[in-house]
Structure formats: structure tokens, C-alpha cells
Amino acid sequence: MGNTGIMICGHGSRSMAAVEEFRGLASRIARRYPDDPVEFGFLEFAQPIIRDGLDALIDRGASHILAVPGMLFAAGHVKNDISSVLNCYAAARNGDGTEVKIEFARDLGIDPKMLAAAKARIEQAEETAPAGISREETLLMVVGRGTSDPDANGNIAKISRMLGEGMGFGWSETSYSGVTFPLVAPGLEHAVRLGYRRIIVFPYFLFTGILVERIYTITDQIAAQNPGTEFIKAAYLGAHELVVDTFVDRLNGIATGDNNMNCLTCLYREQVVGFEARVGQAQHSHHHHVEGIGAGDQAHPDHDHPHTHPAHPHADHPHGPGKRNPASA
């Protein structure tokens, strides 16, 4: 194969601020690879879409493309959607005579660098808080995106435990912004009852967007209902230098074979409790109808289908999306 190009595959957001933050991350990664073309694209809700970025790399002379998911964990978007887009694109290009090889890096995952970046964001939040409340009197609430993949949801729970134990908080809890349970509101309601003087809410997200804004809004609502507890809102990860370092590690890992994702608890390969019906599900992207829609006035004119994600098998759990936030189910 010939020249190498780098493709950063994002999810996409209806928030232009999130799109610009992702663009900034791509620029910082590009500075780490001055001799290789770097492009980015989104799965849904923003432009350029992933195919546009791949086209741009080929136009810039790349025939060997290293693609990295701009996502924290390997849930359906990484395992199915982006993988399908990349595979279909490579097959179509090679079918029309354009020789291209695409290799896919693994997700950012649970990584010491990512934990250190998270620690830095939490410490920044503590620095702005009033003095007088120790970590032993503080509960850390880590909020994940939430998916219909229990493996990815479990990663957030592990992140919460590692940060809470490693930083010496009195207690740590986990909640999710949608799809699974507990959602943020019932999670915080439960946390308040534990009696800690301070609760730090940390969205374990890469970038801003509608979901992060919703997390902060719910935090303010629960805080107003519980004036005896101090609530502190930590910033999301953003393009912290250690986050950029982790992206570089994932790209470099392709060359060493360090790009295998976890298959032991992958619900598409093994019968995971409660998700048995997912085994052997065909790999395909369900985002083709929302590519480019939602961010500012960018849109593809013939995409007007409703957008859905696979339902969680327990969406009607008392603390889950079906009961507390039907729109997120």
C-alpha cells in the first residue's frame, strides 16, 4: 500500500459547539502527524460525514487509512455503525478500482491517561468550590452516555470506582444520560439520601452537547430541591492533552496489533445475560438516514426518517428511560 492517512470518526452532535470542539481535537491530532494527511467526519447529525473525510484523504493521496473512533467506549456505534461505514466504503472504492486499505483502531477505553485527564477535570472543579468540605465528605457522581450495550455501561461503572477509590472520595456512584439506568435524576436523588455534604457531578464525555447540558440542568434542579447539599459541576474531558495522547496511542497501536476490542462480553458474539437475542446480529449502520443532519443548518435534503437506537431490554425499569425520561429510551 502507499501513503498513510488518518481518519478520526466522530459520532456527531446537533450542537455546533460540540462539532467545533471535535474539529479542534482533530487539529491537535493532526499536529502530532505532520507528515500524514488527517481528516475527520461524523456518523450522524453533523458534517462532514465519515465518507466525506475518507474521500478527502484519498484526494490527498492516501491509500492506507488508519481510522480511529472518536468515542470513549466500544458500544454499538463502534462495533457496528462505524465499522459498517468503513467496510462498505472500502469495498465500494476497491470495487471501482481505487486501491485503499482501511484499518480501525480500538476505542479509547479504560486507560491510565484517560483516568488522569478525568482526575484533572475533577480537581479543577474542586478548586472553584468553597473550602471546608473534605473528599471524605464528598460523593463523586460519574455520568456516562448510556447505551444498550452493558459492556460499555460497565466501563463507566469501573471508571467511577477507580476515580472514587483512587482520589479518596467518601463514596462514588454512577448514572447515565439515557438509554439505560439509573438516569441522572434518580441517581442524584439516591445520592442525596446517602448524606454526603458535597456531590461532584462529572460527565464522562469527550465534548459538550445537548446531553452534557441536560446533565448540568438536572443537577441544578436536584440542587435546588436539596439546599443542604452542595453540588459541584465538573467539566467534561474535552481535548485534554492526555486525551490527545490516548488517541495517538490508539492510532500507533494499529501497527503493533493493539486494536482488538473486547469480545469476551460483546453482546453480538456471546450470550450476555438479558441481551441474548443480540448474538449474531448483522453488522450494519442504522445512521445512514441522519448523516449530516442537525448541526446548525447543515442537512442532507432527503433524510427525514425518525432516528432511533436499539432499545434497552429493561427500558421500563423504575429508574430507567421509559419511566423517568421516555424521550431518551
Protein backbone atom coordinates (compact mmCIF):
# COMPACT_ATOMS: atom_id res chain seq x y z
CA MET A 1 0.00 0.00 0.00
CA GLY A 2 1.05 3.59 -0.46
CA ASN A 3 0.71 6.77 1.56
CA THR A 4 -0.88 6.73 5.00
CA GLY A 5 -3.82 8.92 6.02
CA ILE A 6 -5.57 9.29 9.36
CA MET A 7 -9.36 9.38 9.77
CA ILE A 8 -10.99 10.45 13.02
CA CYS A 9 -14.56 9.11 13.20
CA GLY A 10 -16.89 11.06 15.46
CA HIS A 11 -20.46 10.47 16.48
CA GLY A 12 -21.72 13.95 15.62
CA SER A 13 -23.96 16.32 17.53
CA ARG A 14 -26.79 18.77 16.99
CA SER A 15 -24.65 21.23 18.97
CA MET A 16 -22.37 23.38 16.82
CA ALA A 17 -20.18 23.90 19.90
CA ALA A 18 -19.59 20.15 20.09
CA VAL A 19 -18.80 19.98 16.37
CA GLU A 20 -16.25 22.78 16.75
CA GLU A 21 -14.67 21.08 19.76
CA PHE A 22 -14.27 17.90 17.73
CA ARG A 23 -12.73 19.92 14.91
CA GLY A 24 -10.26 21.31 17.43
CA LEU A 25 -9.37 17.81 18.61
CA ALA A 26 -8.73 16.76 15.01
CA SER A 27 -6.43 19.75 14.56
CA ARG A 28 -4.44 18.80 17.64
CA ILE A 29 -4.08 15.22 16.45
CA ALA A 30 -3.00 16.48 13.03
CA ARG A 31 -0.15 18.40 14.68
CA ARG A 32 1.14 15.06 16.01
CA TYR A 33 1.31 13.66 12.45
CA PRO A 34 2.85 16.45 10.35
CA ASP A 35 3.79 14.08 7.51
CA ASP A 36 0.36 12.43 7.11
CA PRO A 37 -2.97 13.87 6.00
CA VAL A 38 -5.58 13.91 8.77
CA GLU A 39 -9.33 14.26 8.23
CA PHE A 40 -12.41 13.80 10.37
CA GLY A 41 -16.08 13.01 9.84
CA PHE A 42 -19.26 12.20 11.72
CA LEU A 43 -21.64 9.30 11.85
CA GLU A 44 -24.72 11.47 12.25
CA PHE A 45 -26.07 14.95 12.97
CA ALA A 46 -23.14 16.92 11.52
CA GLN A 47 -20.92 17.42 8.52
CA PRO A 48 -18.54 16.36 7.13
CA ILE A 49 -19.79 12.79 7.31
CA ILE A 50 -17.29 9.94 7.53
CA ARG A 51 -17.41 9.20 3.79
CA ASP A 52 -16.54 12.84 3.06
CA GLY A 53 -13.45 12.59 5.24
CA LEU A 54 -12.40 9.35 3.58
CA ASP A 55 -12.86 10.90 0.14
CA ALA A 56 -10.70 13.84 1.21
CA LEU A 57 -7.91 11.52 2.35
CA ILE A 58 -7.90 9.68 -0.96
CA ASP A 59 -7.91 13.00 -2.81
CA ARG A 60 -4.83 13.91 -0.75
CA GLY A 61 -3.05 10.75 -1.92
CA ALA A 62 -3.75 8.32 0.93
CA SER A 63 -4.21 4.66 0.09
CA HIS A 64 -3.67 3.22 3.59
CA ILE A 65 -6.09 4.81 6.07
CA LEU A 66 -5.81 4.45 9.83
CA ALA A 67 -9.26 5.15 11.29
CA VAL A 68 -9.84 5.80 14.98
CA PRO A 69 -13.21 6.07 16.73
CA GLY A 70 -13.64 9.42 18.43
CA MET A 71 -15.67 7.75 21.14
CA LEU A 72 -14.92 6.63 24.65
CA PHE A 73 -16.07 3.02 24.57
CA ALA A 74 -16.92 0.26 22.11
CA ALA A 75 -20.70 0.09 22.09
CA GLY A 76 -22.94 -0.24 19.04
CA HIS A 77 -21.63 2.86 17.27
CA VAL A 78 -18.08 1.49 17.25
CA LYS A 79 -18.81 -2.23 16.94
CA ASN A 80 -21.45 -1.90 14.25
CA ASP A 81 -22.13 1.54 12.81
CA ILE A 82 -18.69 2.99 12.12
CA SER A 83 -17.25 -0.42 11.29
CA SER A 84 -20.01 -0.91 8.72
CA VAL A 85 -19.43 2.52 7.16
CA LEU A 86 -15.68 1.85 6.84
CA ASN A 87 -16.10 -1.67 5.46
CA CYS A 88 -18.74 -0.61 2.92
CA TYR A 89 -16.65 2.36 1.83
CA ALA A 90 -13.51 0.25 1.32
CA ALA A 91 -15.45 -2.39 -0.62
CA ALA A 92 -17.01 0.22 -2.89
CA ARG A 93 -13.73 2.04 -3.52
CA ASN A 94 -11.81 -1.15 -4.24
CA GLY A 95 -14.67 -2.28 -6.45
CA ASP A 96 -14.33 0.81 -8.65
CA GLY A 97 -10.58 0.36 -9.00
CA THR A 98 -9.34 2.68 -6.24
CA GLU A 99 -6.92 0.68 -4.11
CA VAL A 100 -7.47 1.53 -0.44
CA LYS A 101 -6.86 -0.30 2.81
CA ILE A 102 -8.65 0.86 5.96
CA GLU A 103 -7.60 -0.32 9.42
CA PHE A 104 -9.66 0.52 12.50
CA ALA A 105 -8.20 1.37 15.91
CA ARG A 106 -9.86 0.32 19.13
CA ASP A 107 -11.84 2.66 21.37
CA LEU A 108 -10.20 4.90 23.96
CA GLY A 109 -11.47 2.56 26.69
CA ILE A 110 -10.30 2.41 30.29
CA ASP A 111 -6.81 3.85 30.15
CA PRO A 112 -4.49 5.41 32.74
CA LYS A 113 -4.15 8.55 30.63
CA MET A 114 -7.93 8.95 30.41
CA LEU A 115 -8.24 8.46 34.16
CA ALA A 116 -5.56 11.10 34.73
CA ALA A 117 -7.43 13.53 32.46
CA ALA A 118 -10.64 12.84 34.38
CA LYS A 119 -8.82 13.42 37.67
CA ALA A 120 -7.61 16.78 36.39
CA ARG A 121 -11.16 17.90 35.50
CA ILE A 122 -12.47 16.87 38.91
CA GLU A 123 -9.62 18.68 40.66
CA GLN A 124 -10.35 21.82 38.64
CA ALA A 125 -13.94 21.69 39.88
CA GLU A 126 -12.77 21.29 43.48
CA GLU A 127 -10.51 24.32 43.14
CA THR A 128 -13.52 26.52 42.35
CA ALA A 129 -15.61 25.16 45.25
CA PRO A 130 -15.82 26.73 48.71
CA ALA A 131 -13.32 25.36 51.19
CA GLY A 132 -14.24 23.34 54.25
CA ILE A 133 -15.59 20.09 52.81
CA SER A 134 -13.17 17.18 52.55
CA ARG A 135 -13.16 14.45 49.96
CA GLU A 136 -14.21 12.01 52.67
CA GLU A 137 -17.41 14.08 52.99
CA THR A 138 -17.91 14.18 49.21
CA LEU A 139 -19.72 11.83 46.84
CA LEU A 140 -18.48 11.60 43.25
CA MET A 141 -21.20 11.02 40.65
CA VAL A 142 -19.76 9.92 37.31
CA VAL A 143 -22.28 10.26 34.47
CA GLY A 144 -21.89 8.21 31.32
CA ARG A 145 -23.65 8.46 27.97
CA GLY A 146 -25.58 5.23 28.47
CA THR A 147 -26.04 2.63 25.74
CA SER A 148 -27.92 -0.59 25.10
CA ASP A 149 -24.57 -2.40 25.44
CA PRO A 150 -23.93 -3.49 29.06
CA ASP A 151 -20.22 -3.91 28.37
CA ALA A 152 -19.83 -0.19 27.63
CA ASN A 153 -22.07 0.75 30.56
CA GLY A 154 -19.93 -1.41 32.80
CA ASN A 155 -16.86 0.56 31.74
CA ILE A 156 -18.42 3.72 33.19
CA ALA A 157 -19.09 1.92 36.45
CA LYS A 158 -15.43 0.86 36.56
CA ILE A 159 -14.27 4.39 35.79
CA SER A 160 -16.43 5.63 38.66
CA ARG A 161 -14.95 3.11 41.05
CA MET A 162 -11.36 3.77 40.01
CA LEU A 163 -11.73 7.54 40.33
CA GLY A 164 -13.64 7.37 43.61
CA GLU A 165 -11.22 4.96 45.23
CA GLY A 166 -8.10 6.45 43.70
CA MET A 167 -8.96 10.02 44.71
CA GLY A 168 -10.24 9.12 48.16
CA PHE A 169 -13.85 10.24 47.91
CA GLY A 170 -16.28 9.16 50.59
CA TRP A 171 -18.44 7.40 48.03
CA SER A 172 -18.81 7.09 44.27
CA GLU A 173 -21.93 6.50 42.21
CA THR A 174 -22.69 6.02 38.51
CA SER A 175 -25.60 7.24 36.41
CA TYR A 176 -26.34 7.66 32.72
CA SER A 177 -27.78 10.35 30.48
CA GLY A 178 -30.06 7.98 28.59
CA VAL A 179 -30.91 4.52 27.22
CA THR A 180 -30.01 2.60 30.40
CA PHE A 181 -30.49 3.14 34.15
CA PRO A 182 -30.20 4.78 36.56
CA LEU A 183 -30.67 8.10 34.81
CA VAL A 184 -29.15 11.25 36.24
CA ALA A 185 -32.16 12.47 38.23
CA PRO A 186 -32.89 9.24 40.14
CA GLY A 187 -29.16 8.71 40.54
CA LEU A 188 -28.75 12.10 42.22
CA GLU A 189 -31.91 11.64 44.27
CA HIS A 190 -30.42 8.43 45.62
CA ALA A 191 -27.04 10.06 46.18
CA VAL A 192 -28.57 12.84 48.28
CA ARG A 193 -30.10 10.27 50.63
CA LEU A 194 -26.63 8.92 51.42
CA GLY A 195 -26.00 12.09 53.41
CA TYR A 196 -22.74 13.43 51.97
CA ARG A 197 -22.16 17.16 52.34
CA ARG A 198 -20.98 17.64 48.75
CA ILE A 199 -21.76 15.90 45.47
CA ILE A 200 -19.46 16.39 42.48
CA VAL A 201 -21.18 15.63 39.17
CA PHE A 202 -18.68 14.67 36.48
CA PRO A 203 -19.92 13.98 32.92
CA TYR A 204 -17.53 11.40 31.48
CA PHE A 205 -17.99 12.79 27.98
CA LEU A 206 -15.47 13.91 25.38
CA PHE A 207 -17.30 17.06 24.32
CA THR A 208 -20.16 19.36 25.14
CA GLY A 209 -23.59 18.95 23.57
CA ILE A 210 -27.25 18.51 24.35
CA LEU A 211 -26.66 15.63 26.74
CA VAL A 212 -23.99 17.41 28.79
CA GLU A 213 -26.20 20.49 29.01
CA ARG A 214 -29.06 18.26 30.17
CA ILE A 215 -26.85 16.73 32.88
CA TYR A 216 -25.98 20.18 34.22
CA THR A 217 -29.63 21.30 34.10
CA ILE A 218 -30.79 18.25 36.04
CA THR A 219 -28.01 18.82 38.56
CA ASP A 220 -29.24 22.38 39.11
CA GLN A 221 -32.80 21.12 39.58
CA ILE A 222 -31.81 18.50 42.15
CA ALA A 223 -29.59 21.05 43.91
CA ALA A 224 -32.49 23.48 44.20
CA GLN A 225 -34.57 20.74 45.82
CA ASN A 226 -31.79 19.89 48.30
CA PRO A 227 -30.26 23.13 49.63
CA GLY A 228 -28.50 21.25 52.43
CA THR A 229 -26.18 19.51 49.97
CA GLU A 230 -23.51 21.32 47.97
CA PHE A 231 -23.45 20.37 44.28
CA ILE A 232 -20.37 20.96 42.13
CA LYS A 233 -20.44 20.52 38.34
CA ALA A 234 -17.13 19.32 36.89
CA ALA A 235 -16.20 19.92 33.25
CA TYR A 236 -16.27 17.10 30.70
CA LEU A 237 -12.98 15.70 29.40
CA GLY A 238 -12.56 17.86 26.29
CA ALA A 239 -9.36 17.83 24.27
CA HIS A 240 -7.14 17.48 27.33
CA GLU A 241 -3.54 16.77 26.35
CA LEU A 242 -3.77 13.29 27.87
CA VAL A 243 -6.89 12.59 25.79
CA VAL A 244 -4.95 13.54 22.66
CA ASP A 245 -2.13 11.26 23.83
CA THR A 246 -4.60 8.38 24.09
CA PHE A 247 -5.83 8.94 20.53
CA VAL A 248 -2.21 8.82 19.36
CA ASP A 249 -1.69 5.57 21.29
CA ARG A 250 -4.71 4.01 19.58
CA LEU A 251 -3.51 5.01 16.12
CA ASN A 252 0.00 3.78 16.78
CA GLY A 253 -1.47 0.58 18.22
CA ILE A 254 -2.75 -0.47 14.80
CA ALA A 255 0.82 -1.16 13.70
CA THR A 256 1.50 -3.38 16.73
CA GLY A 257 -1.81 -5.25 16.61
CA ASP A 258 -3.17 -3.46 19.67
CA ASN A 259 -6.50 -2.76 18.01
CA ASN A 260 -8.57 -5.73 19.13
CA MET A 261 -11.70 -4.80 21.04
CA ASN A 262 -13.15 -6.78 23.92
CA CYS A 263 -15.06 -9.81 22.59
CA LEU A 264 -15.50 -11.78 25.82
CA THR A 265 -18.53 -9.75 26.88
CA CYS A 266 -19.57 -8.47 23.45
CA LEU A 267 -23.32 -8.94 23.17
CA TYR A 268 -23.01 -9.56 19.42
CA ARG A 269 -20.71 -12.56 19.96
CA GLU A 270 -21.69 -14.03 23.32
CA GLN A 271 -25.00 -14.57 25.10
CA VAL A 272 -24.79 -11.82 27.68
CA VAL A 273 -27.43 -12.03 30.41
CA GLY A 274 -30.53 -10.15 29.33
CA PHE A 275 -29.23 -9.47 25.81
CA GLU A 276 -29.23 -12.99 24.38
CA ALA A 277 -31.20 -12.01 21.28
CA ARG A 278 -28.37 -9.76 20.03
CA VAL A 279 -25.96 -12.63 19.28
CA GLY A 280 -25.09 -12.86 15.60
CA GLN A 281 -26.82 -9.62 14.69
CA ALA A 282 -25.71 -8.47 11.24
CA GLN A 283 -23.24 -5.60 11.15
CA HIS A 284 -24.82 -2.53 9.60
CA SER A 285 -25.12 1.15 10.29
CA HIS A 286 -28.56 2.48 11.20
CA HIS A 287 -27.38 6.08 10.81
CA HIS A 288 -27.43 6.47 7.03
CA HIS A 289 -30.68 8.44 7.18
CA VAL A 290 -29.34 11.04 9.63
CA GLU A 291 -25.89 11.65 8.20
CA GLY A 292 -25.24 15.38 8.20
CA ILE A 293 -28.49 16.37 9.91
CA GLY A 294 -28.82 18.53 12.98
CA ALA A 295 -25.78 20.75 13.46
CA GLY A 296 -26.71 24.30 12.56
CA ASP A 297 -28.27 24.50 9.10
CA GLN A 298 -26.33 21.56 7.71
CA ALA A 299 -28.58 18.85 6.29
CA HIS A 300 -28.95 16.28 3.59
CA PRO A 301 -32.26 17.06 1.88
CA ASP A 302 -33.79 13.57 1.63
CA HIS A 303 -33.19 12.42 5.21
CA ASP A 304 -36.46 12.76 7.08
CA HIS A 305 -36.77 9.40 8.84
CA PRO A 306 -37.05 9.21 12.64
CA HIS A 307 -33.79 8.38 14.41
CA THR A 308 -33.77 5.60 16.99
CA HIS A 309 -31.29 3.46 18.89
CA PRO A 310 -31.70 -0.19 19.92
CA ALA A 311 -33.97 -0.37 22.93
CA HIS A 312 -32.62 -1.44 26.28
CA PRO A 313 -34.35 -4.67 27.41
CA HIS A 314 -35.24 -3.04 30.73
CA ALA A 315 -36.19 0.41 29.47
CA ASP A 316 -39.24 0.36 31.75
CA HIS A 317 -37.15 -0.07 34.88
CA PRO A 318 -38.44 2.33 37.61
CA HIS A 319 -35.23 4.39 37.32
CA GLY A 320 -34.82 3.91 33.58
CA PRO A 321 -35.54 5.92 30.45
CA GLY A 322 -39.01 4.54 29.81
CA LYS A 323 -40.30 5.84 33.16
CA ARG A 324 -38.15 8.85 34.00
CA ASN A 325 -37.35 10.20 30.54
CA PRO A 326 -39.29 8.47 27.74
CA ALA A 327 -37.60 10.61 25.07
CA SER A 328 -34.21 9.05 25.93
CA ALA A 329 -35.38 5.44 25.75
